Amino acid sequence: MSAGEYEAREGYGGFEEPGGRERGKGGAGRYAIAPRRVSFDWRETPLHWIPDEPTATHVINVLHLLLPAGERWFVKVFKEALPLVRDPELLRDVKGFMGQEATHSVQHSYVLNHLAEQNLDTEPYTRHVDFLFEKLLREAPPFGAPIPTQEWLRFRLSLVAAIEQFTAVLGDWVLRAEALDLADPDAVMLDLLRWHGAEEVEHRAVAFDMYQHCSGSGLPRYVRRVEGMVVVAPVLLWLWAWGASYLMRHDPQLTGRQRYSLREHNKAVAKGLLPTWRELGAAIPRYFRRSYHPSQEGSLRKAVEYLATSPAARTAAGAVGRAALS
């Protein structure tokens, strides 16, 4: 799809956005969210896909450790909540979101296979991520905790909304990160990250709208939303630092010569190869505002423009077109 295929309107980067129902802006001009059946060829991608930058490479590689299980879990939680959805526009957005997240999970899992082929086994780390999402955050509260079913679902929806706040910020960053292009990265990996980042910007409001729709009203809904971020922010930071440390420690090309450190991380930030701490941290107080809506994050126009040029997305669109004509 090209940018011109979407209905333009005044404001919000030039496109009618998901979440319009929250602002009374639904209708025929709404932006449609749909999965793209992309694929990537990893055979030529080096372990250090940003040349001479193992720290930046592996900090970003933590995405591959977290997302296969995490995005499968998003889909499971939303499937549980689908019977609660009474808004047909939201239902369409949620189904598109689920399709995109399922595709993300699969594509990042293929990167884990590629890392294993390069003698970097991630299973000792990812089994803990699997335990978090598949056991601790499963449909029933863990350890027989006496939490009502409705409240447990609402809590998990608040976690998804909080995580999606960070994925939208990261998606916007990777679309704007010119320093990555200048670092001569592997083109396939950069396309994966920007395709995924663009889709995160594309559906940035859906998890928030789903939480708002399914989680009551008034102060209790707002407090639960804040609680979701209070849980997510430190856990995500811990998982990321642990994941980067794991990858650096087990990287067969480093053989213990270099470990993850805040100093090296900050050097990569200064080069523009990683988002700044301010960019990431500022996402939290924005999210805490009572009036906040994720449509304020990033540029939908920029996301759509990248998806119109992404090699993987263009190939997927071509395959769909050929199938329709056959």
C-alpha atoms as a PDB file:
ATOM      1  CA  MET A   1       0.000   0.000   0.000  1.00  0.00           C
ATOM      2  CA  SER A   2       1.135   3.531  -0.674  1.00  0.00           C
ATOM      3  CA  ALA A   3       0.472   6.604   1.408  1.00  0.00           C
ATOM      4  CA  GLY A   4      -1.927   7.818  -1.263  1.00  0.00           C
ATOM      5  CA  GLU A   5      -4.238   4.875  -0.661  1.00  0.00           C
ATOM      6  CA  TYR A   6      -5.271   6.247   2.709  1.00  0.00           C
ATOM      7  CA  GLU A   7      -7.853   8.946   3.196  1.00  0.00           C
ATOM      8  CA  ALA A   8      -6.250  12.250   4.156  1.00  0.00           C
ATOM      9  CA  ARG A   9      -7.799  14.745   6.501  1.00  0.00           C
ATOM     10  CA  GLU A  10      -6.824  17.823   8.498  1.00  0.00           C
ATOM     11  CA  GLY A  11      -4.609  17.208  11.560  1.00  0.00           C
ATOM     12  CA  TYR A  12      -3.065  14.085  13.117  1.00  0.00           C
ATOM     13  CA  GLY A  13      -0.287  13.930  10.528  1.00  0.00           C
ATOM     14  CA  GLY A  14      -2.750  14.059   7.637  1.00  0.00           C
ATOM     15  CA  PHE A  15      -4.619  10.787   8.270  1.00  0.00           C
ATOM     16  CA  GLU A  16      -7.677   9.691  10.176  1.00  0.00           C
ATOM     17  CA  GLU A  17      -6.249   7.623  13.006  1.00  0.00           C
ATOM     18  CA  PRO A  18      -7.287   4.633  15.100  1.00  0.00           C
ATOM     19  CA  GLY A  19      -8.766   5.936  18.310  1.00  0.00           C
ATOM     20  CA  GLY A  20     -11.050   8.349  16.454  1.00  0.00           C
ATOM     21  CA  ARG A  21     -14.031   6.976  18.386  1.00  0.00           C
ATOM     22  CA  GLU A  22     -12.504   8.493  21.551  1.00  0.00           C
ATOM     23  CA  ARG A  23     -12.596  11.920  19.884  1.00  0.00           C
ATOM     24  CA  GLY A  24     -15.857  11.474  18.012  1.00  0.00           C
ATOM     25  CA  LYS A  25     -14.027  11.280  14.689  1.00  0.00           C
ATOM     26  CA  GLY A  26     -15.003   7.908  13.275  1.00  0.00           C
ATOM     27  CA  GLY A  27     -16.364   7.270   9.813  1.00  0.00           C
ATOM     28  CA  ALA A  28     -15.447   6.422   6.260  1.00  0.00           C
ATOM     29  CA  GLY A  29     -12.098   8.227   6.359  1.00  0.00           C
ATOM     30  CA  ARG A  30     -10.667   6.072   9.131  1.00  0.00           C
ATOM     31  CA  TYR A  31      -7.231   4.537   8.738  1.00  0.00           C
ATOM     32  CA  ALA A  32      -7.411   0.754   8.381  1.00  0.00           C
ATOM     33  CA  ILE A  33      -5.011  -1.420  10.391  1.00  0.00           C
ATOM     34  CA  ALA A  34      -4.098  -4.700   8.708  1.00  0.00           C
ATOM     35  CA  PRO A  35      -1.236  -7.204   8.985  1.00  0.00           C
ATOM     36  CA  ARG A  36       1.382  -7.418   6.256  1.00  0.00           C
ATOM     37  CA  ARG A  37       2.631 -10.923   5.540  1.00  0.00           C
ATOM     38  CA  VAL A  38       6.281  -9.979   5.362  1.00  0.00           C
ATOM     39  CA  SER A  39       9.336 -12.229   5.272  1.00  0.00           C
ATOM     40  CA  PHE A  40      13.056 -11.597   5.701  1.00  0.00           C
ATOM     41  CA  ASP A  41      16.125 -13.444   4.471  1.00  0.00           C
ATOM     42  CA  TRP A  42      18.651 -13.663   7.321  1.00  0.00           C
ATOM     43  CA  ARG A  43      21.319 -15.707   5.553  1.00  0.00           C
ATOM     44  CA  GLU A  44      23.670 -12.750   5.000  1.00  0.00           C
ATOM     45  CA  THR A  45      22.992 -10.867   8.247  1.00  0.00           C
ATOM     46  CA  PRO A  46      26.101 -10.765  10.483  1.00  0.00           C
ATOM     47  CA  LEU A  47      25.948 -11.236  14.229  1.00  0.00           C
ATOM     48  CA  HIS A  48      27.043  -7.638  14.759  1.00  0.00           C
ATOM     49  CA  TRP A  49      24.638  -6.105  12.291  1.00  0.00           C
ATOM     50  CA  ILE A  50      25.798  -2.602  13.263  1.00  0.00           C
ATOM     51  CA  PRO A  51      29.506  -2.855  12.345  1.00  0.00           C
ATOM     52  CA  ASP A  52      31.908  -2.405  15.278  1.00  0.00           C
ATOM     53  CA  GLU A  53      29.027  -1.608  17.635  1.00  0.00           C
ATOM     54  CA  PRO A  54      28.315  -4.722  19.710  1.00  0.00           C
ATOM     55  CA  THR A  55      26.633  -2.809  22.529  1.00  0.00           C
ATOM     56  CA  ALA A  56      24.185  -0.977  20.263  1.00  0.00           C
ATOM     57  CA  THR A  57      23.600  -4.195  18.311  1.00  0.00           C
ATOM     58  CA  HIS A  58      22.733  -6.236  21.385  1.00  0.00           C
ATOM     59  CA  VAL A  59      20.709  -3.574  23.180  1.00  0.00           C
ATOM     60  CA  ILE A  60      18.448  -3.499  20.130  1.00  0.00           C
ATOM     61  CA  ASN A  61      18.612  -7.303  19.846  1.00  0.00           C
ATOM     62  CA  VAL A  62      16.818  -7.550  23.198  1.00  0.00           C
ATOM     63  CA  LEU A  63      13.679  -6.859  21.176  1.00  0.00           C
ATOM     64  CA  HIS A  64      14.068 -10.315  19.637  1.00  0.00           C
ATOM     65  CA  LEU A  65      14.307 -11.867  23.103  1.00  0.00           C
ATOM     66  CA  LEU A  66      11.148 -10.239  24.439  1.00  0.00           C
ATOM     67  CA  LEU A  67       8.768  -9.897  21.516  1.00  0.00           C
ATOM     68  CA  PRO A  68       8.037 -13.457  20.384  1.00  0.00           C
ATOM     69  CA  ALA A  69       6.503 -14.414  23.736  1.00  0.00           C
ATOM     70  CA  GLY A  70       5.322 -10.904  24.584  1.00  0.00           C
ATOM     71  CA  GLU A  71       3.364 -10.317  21.411  1.00  0.00           C
ATOM     72  CA  ARG A  72       1.844 -13.808  21.469  1.00  0.00           C
ATOM     73  CA  TRP A  73       0.614 -12.873  24.934  1.00  0.00           C
ATOM     74  CA  PHE A  74      -0.882  -9.598  23.671  1.00  0.00           C
ATOM     75  CA  VAL A  75      -2.960 -11.602  21.211  1.00  0.00           C
ATOM     76  CA  LYS A  76      -4.122 -14.049  23.897  1.00  0.00           C
ATOM     77  CA  VAL A  77      -5.200 -11.245  26.239  1.00  0.00           C
ATOM     78  CA  PHE A  78      -7.085  -9.454  23.492  1.00  0.00           C
ATOM     79  CA  LYS A  79      -8.841 -12.678  22.474  1.00  0.00           C
ATOM     80  CA  GLU A  80     -10.114 -12.955  26.041  1.00  0.00           C
ATOM     81  CA  ALA A  81     -11.390  -9.382  25.933  1.00  0.00           C
ATOM     82  CA  LEU A  82     -13.021  -9.503  22.475  1.00  0.00           C
ATOM     83  CA  PRO A  83     -16.479 -10.447  23.854  1.00  0.00           C
ATOM     84  CA  LEU A  84     -16.457  -7.183  25.829  1.00  0.00           C
ATOM     85  CA  VAL A  85     -16.060  -4.992  22.753  1.00  0.00           C
ATOM     86  CA  ARG A  86     -19.271  -3.242  21.716  1.00  0.00           C
ATOM     87  CA  ASP A  87     -17.775  -0.667  19.353  1.00  0.00           C
ATOM     88  CA  PRO A  88     -17.511  -2.036  15.775  1.00  0.00           C
ATOM     89  CA  GLU A  89     -14.716   0.395  14.842  1.00  0.00           C
ATOM     90  CA  LEU A  90     -12.681  -0.639  17.871  1.00  0.00           C
ATOM     91  CA  LEU A  91     -13.336  -4.285  17.038  1.00  0.00           C
ATOM     92  CA  ARG A  92     -11.904  -3.788  13.546  1.00  0.00           C
ATOM     93  CA  ASP A  93      -8.859  -2.022  14.964  1.00  0.00           C
ATOM     94  CA  VAL A  94      -8.300  -4.737  17.570  1.00  0.00           C
ATOM     95  CA  LYS A  95      -8.463  -7.521  14.984  1.00  0.00           C
ATOM     96  CA  GLY A  96      -5.968  -5.658  12.810  1.00  0.00           C
ATOM     97  CA  PHE A  97      -3.742  -5.106  15.850  1.00  0.00           C
ATOM     98  CA  MET A  98      -3.868  -8.813  16.707  1.00  0.00           C
ATOM     99  CA  GLY A  99      -2.888  -9.760  13.160  1.00  0.00           C
ATOM    100  CA  GLN A 100       0.043  -7.358  13.182  1.00  0.00           C
ATOM    101  CA  GLU A 101       1.269  -8.484  16.597  1.00  0.00           C
ATOM    102  CA  ALA A 102       1.073 -12.157  15.634  1.00  0.00           C
ATOM    103  CA  THR A 103       3.203 -11.407  12.569  1.00  0.00           C
ATOM    104  CA  HIS A 104       5.729  -9.474  14.675  1.00  0.00           C
ATOM    105  CA  SER A 105       6.048 -12.410  17.053  1.00  0.00           C
ATOM    106  CA  VAL A 106       6.777 -14.839  14.230  1.00  0.00           C
ATOM    107  CA  GLN A 107       9.316 -12.625  12.473  1.00  0.00           C
ATOM    108  CA  HIS A 108      11.293 -11.895  15.644  1.00  0.00           C
ATOM    109  CA  SER A 109      11.337 -15.599  16.504  1.00  0.00           C
ATOM    110  CA  TYR A 110      13.082 -16.219  13.174  1.00  0.00           C
ATOM    111  CA  VAL A 111      15.826 -13.832  14.310  1.00  0.00           C
ATOM    112  CA  LEU A 112      16.321 -15.992  17.409  1.00  0.00           C
ATOM    113  CA  ASN A 113      16.823 -18.976  15.105  1.00  0.00           C
ATOM    114  CA  HIS A 114      19.395 -16.971  13.164  1.00  0.00           C
ATOM    115  CA  LEU A 115      21.240 -16.045  16.365  1.00  0.00           C
ATOM    116  CA  ALA A 116      21.337 -19.724  17.334  1.00  0.00           C
ATOM    117  CA  GLU A 117      22.833 -20.570  13.935  1.00  0.00           C
ATOM    118  CA  GLN A 118      25.573 -18.047  14.751  1.00  0.00           C
ATOM    119  CA  ASN A 119      26.288 -19.872  18.037  1.00  0.00           C
ATOM    120  CA  LEU A 120      24.437 -17.414  20.240  1.00  0.00           C
ATOM    121  CA  ASP A 121      21.890 -19.542  22.092  1.00  0.00           C
ATOM    122  CA  THR A 122      19.146 -17.385  23.615  1.00  0.00           C
ATOM    123  CA  GLU A 123      17.019 -20.150  25.171  1.00  0.00           C
ATOM    124  CA  PRO A 124      18.471 -19.783  28.705  1.00  0.00           C
ATOM    125  CA  TYR A 125      17.139 -16.210  28.689  1.00  0.00           C
ATOM    126  CA  THR A 126      13.931 -16.603  26.703  1.00  0.00           C
ATOM    127  CA  ARG A 127      12.652 -19.430  28.898  1.00  0.00           C
ATOM    128  CA  HIS A 128      12.305 -16.860  31.696  1.00  0.00           C
ATOM    129  CA  VAL A 129      10.410 -14.530  29.366  1.00  0.00           C
ATOM    130  CA  ASP A 130       8.155 -17.435  28.410  1.00  0.00           C
ATOM    131  CA  PHE A 131       7.519 -18.148  32.092  1.00  0.00           C
ATOM    132  CA  LEU A 132       6.583 -14.510  32.712  1.00  0.00           C
ATOM    133  CA  PHE A 133       4.016 -14.331  29.936  1.00  0.00           C
ATOM    134  CA  GLU A 134       2.765 -17.918  29.803  1.00  0.00           C
ATOM    135  CA  LYS A 135       2.629 -18.693  33.532  1.00  0.00           C
ATOM    136  CA  LEU A 136       2.627 -15.548  35.675  1.00  0.00           C
ATOM    137  CA  LEU A 137       0.379 -13.561  33.322  1.00  0.00           C
ATOM    138  CA  ARG A 138      -1.820 -16.355  32.011  1.00  0.00           C
ATOM    139  CA  GLU A 139      -5.624 -16.294  31.974  1.00  0.00           C
ATOM    140  CA  ALA A 140      -5.926 -17.318  35.641  1.00  0.00           C
ATOM    141  CA  PRO A 141      -4.140 -15.308  38.366  1.00  0.00           C
ATOM    142  CA  PRO A 142      -0.910 -17.021  39.485  1.00  0.00           C
ATOM    143  CA  PHE A 143      -0.532 -18.936  42.744  1.00  0.00           C
ATOM    144  CA  GLY A 144      -4.312 -19.031  43.209  1.00  0.00           C
ATOM    145  CA  ALA A 145      -4.435 -15.312  44.000  1.00  0.00           C
ATOM    146  CA  PRO A 146      -8.038 -14.296  44.861  1.00  0.00           C
ATOM    147  CA  ILE A 147      -8.372 -11.714  42.090  1.00  0.00           C
ATOM    148  CA  PRO A 148     -11.758 -11.515  40.336  1.00  0.00           C
ATOM    149  CA  THR A 149     -11.612 -12.622  36.692  1.00  0.00           C
ATOM    150  CA  GLN A 150     -12.740  -9.226  35.402  1.00  0.00           C
ATOM    151  CA  GLU A 151     -10.128  -7.347  37.431  1.00  0.00           C
ATOM    152  CA  TRP A 152      -7.329  -9.695  36.357  1.00  0.00           C
ATOM    153  CA  LEU A 153      -8.246  -9.147  32.709  1.00  0.00           C
ATOM    154  CA  ARG A 154      -8.388  -5.384  33.191  1.00  0.00           C
ATOM    155  CA  PHE A 155      -4.984  -5.425  34.885  1.00  0.00           C
ATOM    156  CA  ARG A 156      -3.430  -7.348  32.013  1.00  0.00           C
ATOM    157  CA  LEU A 157      -5.031  -4.993  29.485  1.00  0.00           C
ATOM    158  CA  SER A 158      -3.424  -2.112  31.396  1.00  0.00           C
ATOM    159  CA  LEU A 159      -0.045  -3.839  31.056  1.00  0.00           C
ATOM    160  CA  VAL A 160      -0.477  -4.222  27.303  1.00  0.00           C
ATOM    161  CA  ALA A 161      -1.421  -0.535  26.990  1.00  0.00           C
ATOM    162  CA  ALA A 162       1.646   0.523  29.001  1.00  0.00           C
ATOM    163  CA  ILE A 163       4.004  -1.684  26.979  1.00  0.00           C
ATOM    164  CA  GLU A 164       2.530  -0.313  23.765  1.00  0.00           C
ATOM    165  CA  GLN A 165       3.362   3.191  24.971  1.00  0.00           C
ATOM    166  CA  PHE A 166       7.044   2.243  24.855  1.00  0.00           C
ATOM    167  CA  THR A 167       6.809   0.357  21.557  1.00  0.00           C
ATOM    168  CA  ALA A 168       5.236   3.435  19.958  1.00  0.00           C
ATOM    169  CA  VAL A 169       8.071   5.618  21.265  1.00  0.00           C
ATOM    170  CA  LEU A 170      10.680   3.124  20.038  1.00  0.00           C
ATOM    171  CA  GLY A 171       8.910   2.803  16.693  1.00  0.00           C
ATOM    172  CA  ASP A 172       8.947   6.556  16.224  1.00  0.00           C
ATOM    173  CA  TRP A 173      12.622   6.696  17.215  1.00  0.00           C
ATOM    174  CA  VAL A 174      13.787   4.009  14.783  1.00  0.00           C
ATOM    175  CA  LEU A 175      11.959   5.706  11.917  1.00  0.00           C
ATOM    176  CA  ARG A 176      13.832   8.939  12.686  1.00  0.00           C
ATOM    177  CA  ALA A 177      17.252   7.452  13.583  1.00  0.00           C
ATOM    178  CA  GLU A 178      19.420   8.766  10.754  1.00  0.00           C
ATOM    179  CA  ALA A 179      22.564   7.748  12.659  1.00  0.00           C
ATOM    180  CA  LEU A 180      21.607   4.107  12.105  1.00  0.00           C
ATOM    181  CA  ASP A 181      21.738   4.633   8.341  1.00  0.00           C
ATOM    182  CA  LEU A 182      25.134   6.318   8.634  1.00  0.00           C
ATOM    183  CA  ALA A 183      26.500   3.370  10.653  1.00  0.00           C
ATOM    184  CA  ASP A 184      26.118   1.068   7.614  1.00  0.00           C
ATOM    185  CA  PRO A 185      23.878  -1.515   9.321  1.00  0.00           C
ATOM    186  CA  ASP A 186      22.633  -4.728   7.777  1.00  0.00           C
ATOM    187  CA  ALA A 187      19.816  -3.640   5.468  1.00  0.00           C
ATOM    188  CA  VAL A 188      17.549  -6.587   6.267  1.00  0.00           C
ATOM    189  CA  MET A 189      17.702  -6.029  10.017  1.00  0.00           C
ATOM    190  CA  LEU A 190      17.093  -2.318   9.630  1.00  0.00           C
ATOM    191  CA  ASP A 191      14.069  -3.027   7.456  1.00  0.00           C
ATOM    192  CA  LEU A 192      12.685  -5.443  10.048  1.00  0.00           C
ATOM    193  CA  LEU A 193      13.065  -2.832  12.786  1.00  0.00           C
ATOM    194  CA  ARG A 194      11.549  -0.020  10.747  1.00  0.00           C
ATOM    195  CA  TRP A 195       8.702  -2.134   9.365  1.00  0.00           C
ATOM    196  CA  HIS A 196       7.884  -3.185  12.920  1.00  0.00           C
ATOM    197  CA  GLY A 197       8.372   0.334  14.258  1.00  0.00           C
ATOM    198  CA  ALA A 198       6.090   1.781  11.583  1.00  0.00           C
ATOM    199  CA  GLU A 199       3.349  -0.696  12.461  1.00  0.00           C
ATOM    200  CA  GLU A 200       3.749   0.175  16.146  1.00  0.00           C
ATOM    201  CA  VAL A 201       3.135   3.824  15.288  1.00  0.00           C
ATOM    202  CA  GLU A 202       0.300   2.745  13.002  1.00  0.00           C
ATOM    203  CA  HIS A 203      -1.570   0.949  15.800  1.00  0.00           C
ATOM    204  CA  ARG A 204      -0.218   2.981  18.736  1.00  0.00           C
ATOM    205  CA  ALA A 205      -3.663   3.855  20.120  1.00  0.00           C
ATOM    206  CA  VAL A 206      -5.375   0.478  19.874  1.00  0.00           C
ATOM    207  CA  ALA A 207      -4.220  -1.124  23.142  1.00  0.00           C
ATOM    208  CA  PHE A 208      -4.976   2.093  25.035  1.00  0.00           C
ATOM    209  CA  ASP A 209      -8.451   2.325  23.479  1.00  0.00           C
ATOM    210  CA  MET A 210      -9.076  -1.348  24.221  1.00  0.00           C
ATOM    211  CA  TYR A 211      -8.145  -0.805  27.866  1.00  0.00           C
ATOM    212  CA  GLN A 212     -10.342   2.297  28.139  1.00  0.00           C
ATOM    213  CA  HIS A 213     -13.285   0.515  26.516  1.00  0.00           C
ATOM    214  CA  CYS A 214     -13.111  -2.638  28.660  1.00  0.00           C
ATOM    215  CA  SER A 215     -12.074  -1.248  32.032  1.00  0.00           C
ATOM    216  CA  GLY A 216     -14.951   0.717  33.436  1.00  0.00           C
ATOM    217  CA  SER A 217     -14.846   4.468  33.864  1.00  0.00           C
ATOM    218  CA  GLY A 218     -13.808   7.332  36.093  1.00  0.00           C
ATOM    219  CA  LEU A 219     -11.060   7.347  38.680  1.00  0.00           C
ATOM    220  CA  PRO A 220     -10.742   3.530  39.084  1.00  0.00           C
ATOM    221  CA  ARG A 221     -10.012   3.167  35.366  1.00  0.00           C
ATOM    222  CA  TYR A 222      -7.392   5.912  35.496  1.00  0.00           C
ATOM    223  CA  VAL A 223      -5.749   4.525  38.646  1.00  0.00           C
ATOM    224  CA  ARG A 224      -5.506   1.065  37.102  1.00  0.00           C
ATOM    225  CA  ARG A 225      -3.925   2.576  33.981  1.00  0.00           C
ATOM    226  CA  VAL A 226      -1.292   4.270  36.139  1.00  0.00           C
ATOM    227  CA  GLU A 227      -0.704   1.020  38.032  1.00  0.00           C
ATOM    228  CA  GLY A 228      -0.053  -0.741  34.732  1.00  0.00           C
ATOM    229  CA  MET A 229       2.726   1.685  33.861  1.00  0.00           C
ATOM    230  CA  VAL A 230       4.152   1.554  37.406  1.00  0.00           C
ATOM    231  CA  VAL A 231       4.564  -2.209  36.946  1.00  0.00           C
ATOM    232  CA  VAL A 232       5.721  -2.175  33.315  1.00  0.00           C
ATOM    233  CA  ALA A 233       8.398   0.549  33.393  1.00  0.00           C
ATOM    234  CA  PRO A 234      10.773  -0.999  35.976  1.00  0.00           C
ATOM    235  CA  VAL A 235      10.199  -4.580  34.806  1.00  0.00           C
ATOM    236  CA  LEU A 236      10.916  -3.616  31.205  1.00  0.00           C
ATOM    237  CA  LEU A 237      14.093  -1.769  32.239  1.00  0.00           C
ATOM    238  CA  TRP A 238      15.264  -4.796  34.226  1.00  0.00           C
ATOM    239  CA  LEU A 239      14.505  -7.241  31.406  1.00  0.00           C
ATOM    240  CA  TRP A 240      16.323  -5.024  28.910  1.00  0.00           C
ATOM    241  CA  ALA A 241      19.465  -4.632  31.021  1.00  0.00           C
ATOM    242  CA  TRP A 242      19.487  -8.355  31.780  1.00  0.00           C
ATOM    243  CA  GLY A 243      18.942  -9.235  28.123  1.00  0.00           C
ATOM    244  CA  ALA A 244      21.708  -6.941  26.865  1.00  0.00           C
ATOM    245  CA  SER A 245      24.075  -8.329  29.504  1.00  0.00           C
ATOM    246  CA  TYR A 246      23.175 -11.891  28.509  1.00  0.00           C
ATOM    247  CA  LEU A 247      23.781 -11.275  24.801  1.00  0.00           C
ATOM    248  CA  MET A 248      27.106  -9.518  25.373  1.00  0.00           C
ATOM    249  CA  ARG A 249      28.299 -12.219  27.770  1.00  0.00           C
ATOM    250  CA  HIS A 250      27.425 -15.073  25.413  1.00  0.00           C
ATOM    251  CA  ASP A 251      28.421 -13.427  22.134  1.00  0.00           C
ATOM    252  CA  PRO A 252      30.903 -15.904  20.576  1.00  0.00           C
ATOM    253  CA  GLN A 253      32.710 -13.108  18.740  1.00  0.00           C
ATOM    254  CA  LEU A 254      33.429 -11.181  21.944  1.00  0.00           C
ATOM    255  CA  THR A 255      34.600 -14.237  23.937  1.00  0.00           C
ATOM    256  CA  GLY A 256      34.284 -12.375  27.208  1.00  0.00           C
ATOM    257  CA  ARG A 257      36.378  -9.394  26.111  1.00  0.00           C
ATOM    258  CA  GLN A 258      33.502  -6.930  26.440  1.00  0.00           C
ATOM    259  CA  ARG A 259      30.497  -6.843  28.734  1.00  0.00           C
ATOM    260  CA  TYR A 260      27.430  -4.669  28.753  1.00  0.00           C
ATOM    261  CA  SER A 261      28.025  -1.433  30.624  1.00  0.00           C
ATOM    262  CA  LEU A 262      26.138   1.811  31.098  1.00  0.00           C
ATOM    263  CA  ARG A 263      29.204   3.672  29.847  1.00  0.00           C
ATOM    264  CA  GLU A 264      29.206   1.846  26.500  1.00  0.00           C
ATOM    265  CA  HIS A 265      25.438   2.161  26.286  1.00  0.00           C
ATOM    266  CA  ASN A 266      25.670   5.928  26.720  1.00  0.00           C
ATOM    267  CA  LYS A 267      28.379   6.118  24.055  1.00  0.00           C
ATOM    268  CA  ALA A 268      25.970   4.456  21.639  1.00  0.00           C
ATOM    269  CA  VAL A 269      23.251   6.897  22.683  1.00  0.00           C
ATOM    270  CA  ALA A 270      25.603   9.821  22.004  1.00  0.00           C
ATOM    271  CA  LYS A 271      26.224   8.465  18.497  1.00  0.00           C
ATOM    272  CA  GLY A 272      22.482   8.301  17.873  1.00  0.00           C
ATOM    273  CA  LEU A 273      22.464   4.500  17.664  1.00  0.00           C
ATOM    274  CA  LEU A 274      20.123   4.112  20.633  1.00  0.00           C
ATOM    275  CA  PRO A 275      17.274   6.305  21.913  1.00  0.00           C
ATOM    276  CA  THR A 276      18.122   8.759  24.669  1.00  0.00           C
ATOM    277  CA  TRP A 277      17.114   8.094  28.249  1.00  0.00           C
ATOM    278  CA  ARG A 278      15.120  11.342  28.125  1.00  0.00           C
ATOM    279  CA  GLU A 279      13.077  10.131  25.138  1.00  0.00           C
ATOM    280  CA  LEU A 280      12.217   6.915  26.928  1.00  0.00           C
ATOM    281  CA  GLY A 281      11.695   8.419  30.368  1.00  0.00           C
ATOM    282  CA  ALA A 282       9.495  11.257  29.151  1.00  0.00           C
ATOM    283  CA  ALA A 283       7.002   8.714  27.837  1.00  0.00           C
ATOM    284  CA  ILE A 284       6.008   7.889  31.414  1.00  0.00           C
ATOM    285  CA  PRO A 285       4.765  11.276  32.708  1.00  0.00           C
ATOM    286  CA  ARG A 286       2.972  11.840  29.389  1.00  0.00           C
ATOM    287  CA  TYR A 287       1.131   8.569  29.924  1.00  0.00           C
ATOM    288  CA  PHE A 288       0.135   9.624  33.457  1.00  0.00           C
ATOM    289  CA  ARG A 289      -1.814  12.676  32.258  1.00  0.00           C
ATOM    290  CA  ARG A 290      -5.563  12.169  32.662  1.00  0.00           C
ATOM    291  CA  SER A 291      -6.147  13.662  29.193  1.00  0.00           C
ATOM    292  CA  TYR A 292      -3.466  11.578  27.476  1.00  0.00           C
ATOM    293  CA  HIS A 293      -4.108   9.662  24.249  1.00  0.00           C
ATOM    294  CA  PRO A 294      -1.409   7.750  22.278  1.00  0.00           C
ATOM    295  CA  SER A 295      -2.354   9.467  19.017  1.00  0.00           C
ATOM    296  CA  GLN A 296       0.012  12.157  20.337  1.00  0.00           C
ATOM    297  CA  GLU A 297       2.990   9.823  19.800  1.00  0.00           C
ATOM    298  CA  GLY A 298       5.037   9.951  16.620  1.00  0.00           C
ATOM    299  CA  SER A 299       3.871  10.590  13.075  1.00  0.00           C
ATOM    300  CA  LEU A 300       1.409   8.334  11.312  1.00  0.00           C
ATOM    301  CA  ARG A 301       2.347   9.974   8.028  1.00  0.00           C
ATOM    302  CA  LYS A 302       6.013   9.038   8.518  1.00  0.00           C
ATOM    303  CA  ALA A 303       5.051   5.467   9.385  1.00  0.00           C
ATOM    304  CA  VAL A 304       2.857   5.091   6.302  1.00  0.00           C
ATOM    305  CA  GLU A 305       5.559   6.608   4.105  1.00  0.00           C
ATOM    306  CA  TYR A 306       8.091   4.053   5.363  1.00  0.00           C
ATOM    307  CA  LEU A 307       5.688   1.164   4.863  1.00  0.00           C
ATOM    308  CA  ALA A 308       5.235   2.304   1.272  1.00  0.00           C
ATOM    309  CA  THR A 309       8.986   1.930   0.663  1.00  0.00           C
ATOM    310  CA  SER A 310       9.941  -0.956   2.983  1.00  0.00           C
ATOM    311  CA  PRO A 311      11.367  -3.820   0.876  1.00  0.00           C
ATOM    312  CA  ALA A 312       9.608  -6.445   2.992  1.00  0.00           C
ATOM    313  CA  ALA A 313       6.267  -4.609   3.076  1.00  0.00           C
ATOM    314  CA  ARG A 314       6.385  -3.925  -0.675  1.00  0.00           C
ATOM    315  CA  THR A 315       7.107  -7.585  -1.395  1.00  0.00           C
ATOM    316  CA  ALA A 316       4.214  -8.623   0.858  1.00  0.00           C
ATOM    317  CA  ALA A 317       1.864  -6.175  -0.861  1.00  0.00           C
ATOM    318  CA  GLY A 318       2.961  -7.469  -4.266  1.00  0.00           C
ATOM    319  CA  ALA A 319       2.288 -11.058  -3.215  1.00  0.00           C
ATOM    320  CA  VAL A 320      -1.210 -10.088  -2.042  1.00  0.00           C
ATOM    321  CA  GLY A 321      -1.858  -8.321  -5.337  1.00  0.00           C
ATOM    322  CA  ARG A 322      -0.690 -11.280  -7.404  1.00  0.00           C
ATOM    323  CA  ALA A 323      -2.822 -13.659  -5.343  1.00  0.00           C
ATOM    324  CA  ALA A 324      -5.874 -11.445  -5.908  1.00  0.00           C
ATOM    325  CA  LEU A 325      -5.317 -11.541  -9.661  1.00  0.00           C
ATOM    326  CA  SER A 326      -4.728 -15.288  -9.895  1.00  0.00           C
END
